């Protein structure tokens, strides 16, 4: 029912059901019925739609009796397994301009306690746009294939020595080209609704459960096989980070964690980008571990090595 409580599997919180259409709805015990495509006012930056899983249907329209409206249940479902194709096509479309009533705002727990969810949404979209620009710069660098491109690859992914240097460079060029192009596609597809507040079970609905129960030491997490929704769970540590560690008045980005680095780091984890690992944490530490071990195979799939390469981190840059 409209105004009823419903569980959101994206942010693992209980919210209120709000309608996305106009005033005309069927009544049951003096309460309006929810329809497929209404939303849950939950902790997500943008409210998640409810999807109908009930086999019965009612005919309701906001303006004219006769539209097939599917009675909603706020759980995920595969439409094809429940409804015939014509009924599935009749589901309501969520209005992108929908805003919940102001009195609901205090019930929404923010992803970051130091900003509202709307402010968070603006922040992550700005970070996404910055990341897209940086990925484009690396791709252009690989096309130029000059000394700068070679040096950056050697810096983060190692130098196999004089005799093997050229084959190593050429192999890494193709590997990075493919992975960066995939990262570009994922980044461009990210919207505020891709981001949820971290919890041990925040990614359960896409197939993963966190190994941590406290979230300590975690800035963000993804489920690597989640190539369909690309959900990113943001933890409190992310909220307290510097935005990008750029050197004032310059393009250089200093060594260290940041919100921008975290976003790029997480995107490299997805199996449809680099499928990266977390063998070495930290930008400077990743470089040090490579020098100590000479493990080129590990460096090429290490998330912070890839993120540092993409951002063009300069450990020698001064603040």
Protein backbone atom coordinates (compact mmCIF):
# COMPACT_ATOMS: atom_id res chain seq x y z
CA UNK A 1 0.00 0.00 0.00
CA UNK A 2 1.13 3.62 -0.57
CA UNK A 3 2.74 4.80 2.66
CA UNK A 4 3.46 1.25 3.78
CA UNK A 5 6.87 0.06 4.90
CA UNK A 6 9.06 -1.91 2.49
CA UNK A 7 12.56 -3.38 2.57
CA UNK A 8 15.09 -2.14 -0.02
CA UNK A 9 17.66 -4.74 -1.07
CA UNK A 10 20.02 -2.12 -2.48
CA UNK A 11 20.75 -0.26 0.77
CA UNK A 12 19.38 -2.84 3.23
CA UNK A 13 17.02 -0.42 4.92
CA UNK A 14 13.29 -0.16 5.51
CA UNK A 15 11.57 2.76 3.80
CA UNK A 16 8.14 4.03 2.84
CA UNK A 17 6.39 3.24 -0.44
CA UNK A 18 5.62 6.39 -2.46
CA UNK A 19 3.79 6.56 -5.76
CA UNK A 20 5.26 7.94 -8.96
CA UNK A 21 1.99 8.57 -10.75
CA UNK A 22 -0.93 10.94 -10.21
CA UNK A 23 -3.86 10.81 -7.79
CA UNK A 24 -6.07 8.08 -9.30
CA UNK A 25 -5.50 4.72 -7.57
CA UNK A 26 -7.59 1.84 -6.40
CA UNK A 27 -8.47 1.82 -2.71
CA UNK A 28 -8.31 -1.08 -0.30
CA UNK A 29 -9.39 -0.48 3.30
CA UNK A 30 -9.21 3.28 2.59
CA UNK A 31 -5.55 3.03 1.52
CA UNK A 32 -4.21 3.42 -2.01
CA UNK A 33 -2.72 0.36 -3.64
CA UNK A 34 0.89 0.45 -4.82
CA UNK A 35 1.60 -0.36 -8.45
CA UNK A 36 4.59 -1.78 -10.23
CA UNK A 37 7.07 1.08 -10.73
CA UNK A 38 6.29 2.99 -7.53
CA UNK A 39 9.33 3.64 -5.34
CA UNK A 40 10.66 3.02 -1.85
CA UNK A 41 11.85 6.12 0.04
CA UNK A 42 14.94 4.47 1.52
CA UNK A 43 18.64 5.22 2.13
CA UNK A 44 19.55 5.13 -1.57
CA UNK A 45 20.48 8.49 -3.16
CA UNK A 46 17.71 7.88 -5.71
CA UNK A 47 14.69 5.86 -4.66
CA UNK A 48 14.48 2.29 -5.92
CA UNK A 49 11.40 1.04 -7.81
CA UNK A 50 9.23 -1.75 -6.46
CA UNK A 51 8.54 -4.65 -8.80
CA UNK A 52 5.40 -6.72 -8.83
CA UNK A 53 5.66 -10.45 -8.12
CA UNK A 54 1.95 -11.20 -7.72
CA UNK A 55 0.12 -13.07 -10.50
CA UNK A 56 -3.09 -11.07 -10.14
CA UNK A 57 -3.54 -7.71 -11.87
CA UNK A 58 -5.80 -4.71 -11.47
CA UNK A 59 -6.82 -2.18 -14.09
CA UNK A 60 -6.00 1.32 -12.80
CA UNK A 61 -4.82 4.52 -14.43
CA UNK A 62 -4.06 7.96 -13.08
CA UNK A 63 -6.28 9.51 -15.77
CA UNK A 64 -8.44 6.82 -17.34
CA UNK A 65 -9.77 3.47 -16.18
CA UNK A 66 -8.45 0.69 -18.36
CA UNK A 67 -4.62 0.79 -18.04
CA UNK A 68 -3.26 -2.52 -16.81
CA UNK A 69 -1.53 -1.76 -13.50
CA UNK A 70 0.23 -4.62 -11.79
CA UNK A 71 -0.29 -4.93 -8.05
CA UNK A 72 3.14 -4.40 -6.49
CA UNK A 73 5.14 -6.32 -3.93
CA UNK A 74 8.46 -4.67 -2.95
CA UNK A 75 10.73 -7.58 -3.81
CA UNK A 76 12.88 -8.34 -6.84
CA UNK A 77 11.56 -10.76 -9.43
CA UNK A 78 12.00 -12.00 -12.98
CA UNK A 79 8.95 -10.73 -14.85
CA UNK A 80 9.24 -13.37 -17.51
CA UNK A 81 8.70 -16.16 -15.01
CA UNK A 82 5.45 -14.68 -13.66
CA UNK A 83 3.69 -12.67 -16.36
CA UNK A 84 2.94 -13.04 -20.01
CA UNK A 85 4.88 -10.59 -22.26
CA UNK A 86 1.90 -8.20 -22.73
CA UNK A 87 1.46 -7.89 -18.97
CA UNK A 88 5.18 -7.33 -18.39
CA UNK A 89 5.15 -4.54 -20.97
CA UNK A 90 2.37 -2.80 -19.08
CA UNK A 91 4.49 -2.02 -16.00
CA UNK A 92 4.72 1.62 -14.95
CA UNK A 93 7.83 3.65 -15.74
CA UNK A 94 9.38 5.45 -12.79
CA UNK A 95 9.30 9.21 -13.20
CA UNK A 96 12.94 10.41 -13.06
CA UNK A 97 11.79 13.76 -11.68
CA UNK A 98 9.91 12.22 -8.75
CA UNK A 99 10.69 13.72 -5.33
CA UNK A 100 9.39 12.35 -2.07
CA UNK A 101 7.46 14.49 0.39
CA UNK A 102 9.69 16.74 2.57
CA UNK A 103 8.44 15.08 5.75
CA UNK A 104 10.08 11.83 4.66
CA UNK A 105 13.57 13.36 4.45
CA UNK A 106 14.46 12.87 8.14
CA UNK A 107 13.75 9.12 7.86
CA UNK A 108 16.50 8.62 5.28
CA UNK A 109 19.90 7.67 6.71
CA UNK A 110 22.61 9.37 4.67
CA UNK A 111 25.34 7.37 2.93
CA UNK A 112 27.80 9.92 4.30
CA UNK A 113 26.90 11.56 7.63
CA UNK A 114 28.69 14.78 6.63
CA UNK A 115 26.40 15.42 3.63
CA UNK A 116 22.89 14.74 2.41
CA UNK A 117 22.27 11.98 -0.10
CA UNK A 118 21.57 14.61 -2.76
CA UNK A 119 24.96 16.21 -2.06
CA UNK A 120 26.55 12.75 -2.17
CA UNK A 121 24.93 12.12 -5.55
CA UNK A 122 26.42 15.36 -6.92
CA UNK A 123 29.85 14.43 -5.52
CA UNK A 124 30.03 10.94 -7.02
CA UNK A 125 28.86 12.18 -10.41
CA UNK A 126 31.60 14.83 -10.39
CA UNK A 127 34.15 12.17 -9.42
CA UNK A 128 32.83 9.93 -12.19
CA UNK A 129 33.28 12.72 -14.74
CA UNK A 130 36.86 13.36 -13.53
CA UNK A 131 37.63 9.65 -13.80
CA UNK A 132 36.27 9.54 -17.38
CA UNK A 133 38.64 12.37 -18.33
CA UNK A 134 41.63 10.61 -16.76
CA UNK A 135 40.84 7.32 -18.50
CA UNK A 136 40.63 9.21 -21.81
CA UNK A 137 44.04 10.78 -21.12
CA UNK A 138 45.63 7.35 -20.58
CA UNK A 139 44.03 5.99 -23.75
CA UNK A 140 45.35 8.97 -25.72
CA UNK A 141 48.76 8.38 -24.17
CA UNK A 142 48.71 4.77 -25.35
CA UNK A 143 47.84 5.97 -28.85
CA UNK A 144 50.77 8.42 -28.88
CA UNK A 145 52.98 5.66 -27.51
CA UNK A 146 55.81 8.00 -26.58
CA UNK A 147 58.45 7.98 -23.81
CA UNK A 148 55.91 9.29 -21.30
CA UNK A 149 53.61 6.33 -21.99
CA UNK A 150 56.51 3.88 -21.66
CA UNK A 151 57.73 5.43 -18.42
CA UNK A 152 54.29 5.31 -16.80
CA UNK A 153 53.92 1.61 -17.62
CA UNK A 154 57.38 0.84 -16.23
CA UNK A 155 56.58 2.86 -13.09
CA UNK A 156 53.48 0.88 -12.11
CA UNK A 157 53.85 -2.45 -13.90
CA UNK A 158 57.61 -2.98 -13.93
CA UNK A 159 60.54 -3.13 -16.32
CA UNK A 160 61.45 -6.64 -17.40
CA UNK A 161 64.92 -5.61 -18.45
CA UNK A 162 66.62 -4.48 -21.64
CA UNK A 163 66.03 -7.59 -23.75
CA UNK A 164 62.38 -8.07 -22.76
CA UNK A 165 61.39 -4.41 -22.38
CA UNK A 166 59.81 -3.99 -25.81
CA UNK A 167 57.70 -7.15 -25.65
CA UNK A 168 56.59 -6.22 -22.12
CA UNK A 169 55.59 -2.71 -23.23
CA UNK A 170 53.67 -3.92 -26.27
CA UNK A 171 51.82 -6.59 -24.31
CA UNK A 172 50.88 -4.10 -21.57
CA UNK A 173 49.76 -1.59 -24.18
CA UNK A 174 47.11 -3.94 -25.54
CA UNK A 175 46.11 -5.14 -22.07
CA UNK A 176 45.65 -1.59 -20.78
CA UNK A 177 43.87 -0.45 -23.94
CA UNK A 178 41.23 -3.15 -23.56
CA UNK A 179 40.79 -2.65 -19.80
CA UNK A 180 40.68 1.14 -19.97
CA UNK A 181 38.06 1.06 -22.72
CA UNK A 182 35.95 -1.22 -20.52
CA UNK A 183 36.44 1.10 -17.51
CA UNK A 184 35.31 4.03 -19.64
CA UNK A 185 32.07 2.23 -20.48
CA UNK A 186 31.35 1.31 -16.86
CA UNK A 187 32.15 4.80 -15.56
CA UNK A 188 29.92 6.48 -18.12
CA UNK A 189 27.09 4.18 -17.13
CA UNK A 190 27.30 4.97 -13.41
CA UNK A 191 24.43 6.98 -11.91
CA UNK A 192 23.67 7.93 -8.30
CA UNK A 193 21.48 4.85 -7.96
CA UNK A 194 24.55 2.63 -8.50
CA UNK A 195 25.86 3.73 -5.09
CA UNK A 196 24.56 2.38 -1.78
CA UNK A 197 25.58 2.68 1.85
CA UNK A 198 28.00 -0.06 2.93
CA UNK A 199 26.87 -2.82 5.26
CA UNK A 200 28.00 -6.45 5.62
CA UNK A 201 25.09 -7.47 3.38
CA UNK A 202 24.83 -4.39 1.12
CA UNK A 203 25.86 -6.44 -1.93
CA UNK A 204 23.88 -9.55 -1.07
CA UNK A 205 21.30 -8.83 -3.76
CA UNK A 206 24.03 -8.96 -6.44
CA UNK A 207 25.66 -12.12 -5.11
CA UNK A 208 28.26 -11.15 -2.50
CA UNK A 209 28.51 -10.72 1.26
CA UNK A 210 31.35 -8.73 2.86
CA UNK A 211 33.92 -10.56 4.94
CA UNK A 212 33.88 -7.64 7.38
CA UNK A 213 31.18 -7.05 9.95
CA UNK A 214 32.41 -3.65 11.15
CA UNK A 215 33.46 -1.89 7.95
CA UNK A 216 36.71 -0.75 9.59
CA UNK A 217 39.43 -0.15 7.02
CA UNK A 218 36.95 -0.26 4.15
CA UNK A 219 36.33 2.73 1.90
CA UNK A 220 34.12 0.96 -0.62
CA UNK A 221 33.33 -2.51 -1.94
CA UNK A 222 31.93 -4.11 -5.07
CA UNK A 223 30.94 -7.61 -6.10
CA UNK A 224 33.34 -8.51 -8.94
CA UNK A 225 30.86 -10.69 -10.87
CA UNK A 226 28.22 -7.92 -10.71
CA UNK A 227 28.55 -6.83 -14.33
CA UNK A 228 24.83 -6.17 -14.64
CA UNK A 229 24.19 -3.50 -11.97
CA UNK A 230 27.76 -2.33 -11.14
CA UNK A 231 26.63 -1.55 -7.59
CA UNK A 232 29.25 0.17 -5.41
CA UNK A 233 28.82 0.12 -1.62
CA UNK A 234 30.36 3.22 -0.01
CA UNK A 235 31.67 3.01 3.58
CA UNK A 236 32.20 5.80 6.11
CA UNK A 237 35.95 5.91 5.42
CA UNK A 238 35.20 7.19 1.91
CA UNK A 239 33.26 10.13 3.37
CA UNK A 240 36.28 11.31 5.37
CA UNK A 241 38.83 11.14 2.54
CA UNK A 242 40.29 14.03 0.59
CA UNK A 243 38.56 14.47 -2.73
CA UNK A 244 41.45 13.90 -5.15
CA UNK A 245 44.89 14.93 -3.70
CA UNK A 246 45.57 17.21 -6.64
CA UNK A 247 48.47 19.61 -6.26
CA UNK A 248 47.04 23.13 -6.10
CA UNK A 249 47.45 24.91 -9.42
CA UNK A 250 48.79 21.81 -11.20
CA UNK A 251 47.52 18.61 -12.81
CA UNK A 252 49.68 16.40 -10.59
CA UNK A 253 47.99 14.03 -8.16
CA UNK A 254 49.94 13.18 -5.03
CA UNK A 255 50.46 9.76 -3.49
CA UNK A 256 47.73 8.57 -1.11
CA UNK A 257 44.11 7.51 -0.89
CA UNK A 258 41.33 9.81 -2.06
CA UNK A 259 37.70 9.64 -3.09
CA UNK A 260 38.68 9.82 -6.76
CA UNK A 261 41.23 7.02 -6.40
CA UNK A 262 38.68 4.90 -4.50
CA UNK A 263 36.09 5.21 -7.26
CA UNK A 264 38.57 4.22 -9.98
CA UNK A 265 39.96 1.43 -7.75
CA UNK A 266 36.48 -0.09 -7.33
CA UNK A 267 35.63 0.12 -11.03
CA UNK A 268 38.79 -1.86 -11.92
CA UNK A 269 37.50 -4.72 -9.72
CA UNK A 270 34.55 -5.63 -11.95
CA UNK A 271 35.04 -8.71 -14.08
CA UNK A 272 34.09 -6.80 -17.22
CA UNK A 273 36.94 -4.28 -16.71
CA UNK A 274 40.23 -5.58 -15.22
CA UNK A 275 38.88 -8.05 -12.62
CA UNK A 276 41.54 -6.58 -10.34
CA UNK A 277 42.69 -7.88 -6.94
CA UNK A 278 43.76 -6.25 -3.67
CA UNK A 279 47.15 -7.89 -3.19
CA UNK A 280 48.86 -4.57 -2.43
CA UNK A 281 46.99 -1.67 -0.86
CA UNK A 282 48.12 1.95 -1.22
CA UNK A 283 49.63 3.83 -4.13
CA UNK A 284 53.15 4.17 -2.74
CA UNK A 285 53.04 0.69 -1.23
CA UNK A 286 52.03 -0.83 -4.56
CA UNK A 287 55.07 0.73 -6.21
CA UNK A 288 57.35 -0.40 -3.37
CA UNK A 289 56.05 -3.98 -3.47
CA UNK A 290 56.67 -4.15 -7.21
CA UNK A 291 60.27 -2.99 -6.74
CA UNK A 292 60.80 -5.45 -3.88
CA UNK A 293 59.26 -8.51 -5.51
CA UNK A 294 59.51 -7.88 -9.23
CA UNK A 295 56.09 -9.56 -9.47
CA UNK A 296 54.86 -8.09 -12.76
CA UNK A 297 51.92 -10.51 -12.97
CA UNK A 298 50.58 -9.34 -9.62
CA UNK A 299 51.13 -5.64 -10.39
CA UNK A 300 49.11 -5.76 -13.61
CA UNK A 301 45.95 -6.89 -11.79
CA UNK A 302 46.47 -5.00 -8.52
CA UNK A 303 43.67 -2.43 -8.11
CA UNK A 304 45.78 0.33 -6.56
CA UNK A 305 48.49 -0.13 -9.20
CA UNK A 306 45.89 0.24 -11.94
CA UNK A 307 44.17 3.19 -10.20
CA UNK A 308 47.52 4.94 -9.68
CA UNK A 309 48.37 4.43 -13.34
CA UNK A 310 45.00 5.82 -14.45
CA UNK A 311 45.19 8.86 -12.17
CA UNK A 312 48.84 9.47 -13.08
CA UNK A 313 49.84 9.55 -9.41
CA UNK A 314 53.09 11.37 -8.82
CA UNK A 315 54.61 10.26 -5.52
CA UNK A 316 57.24 12.99 -5.77
CA UNK A 317 54.74 15.86 -6.21
CA UNK A 318 54.61 18.36 -3.36
CA UNK A 319 51.43 19.72 -1.81
